[in-house]
Amino acid sequence: MGNLSTPNSVQKLQMALHAKAKAEAGYRFYALYDKISREDILARSYAQCRSNKGAPGVDGQDFGDIEAYGVERWLGELALALRQETYRPDPIRRVFIPKANGKLRPLGISTVRDRVCMTAAMLVLEPIPRVRLRRPEDKLRSRPSTGAIRLPSRAKRPTGGDRGGRTVVPWPPGSG
């Protein structure tokens, strides 16, 4: 697990998705869910999550537990749950970590299973908007001072406060 280079098969998929998004700007990717459950995608996702270490989530399962159980077996069961569409994310474990000013900051810790699924989704989805959000005015921009995300001017806008001709959506949803 020491080698974190992206396997050729994953790179090939990413390049194909990127090329399709670039060639046909209006193309809708309807069938991507099956790509997330691919063995190579899940193995790469697991390796990436493993390298990040991290604490266990609400289920208490850590990477040592998974390796004792068998990584291939664990990934196979996860892939099956994804293919059968029975996978459901687990609740987030909430912990509080101290800040420099003495206050506490909330931190949500996902289960390893959810982290692997989110990473797999990122591996599959990331090449697509990279093409579509090429111009700076099309990109989502975070506003750290307000905890909000500014939407592109052409985007369909959910309800949110209007500030200076731009719609600002509170992040996370429901916080504003």
Foldseek 3Di string as FASTA:
>chain_A
DPDLDQDPVLVVLLVVLLVVCQVDVPDDDDPQLLQLLDPSLLVSLLVVVVVVFDAAWPVRDGPVNCVVVPVSVVSNVLSVCSVVVVDDFDAWHWDWDADPVGDTDIDTHGHSSVSSSVSSCCSNPVSNVCNVQVDPLQDWDADVVQQWIWHRPPDDDDDADDDPNTGTAHPPHPPD
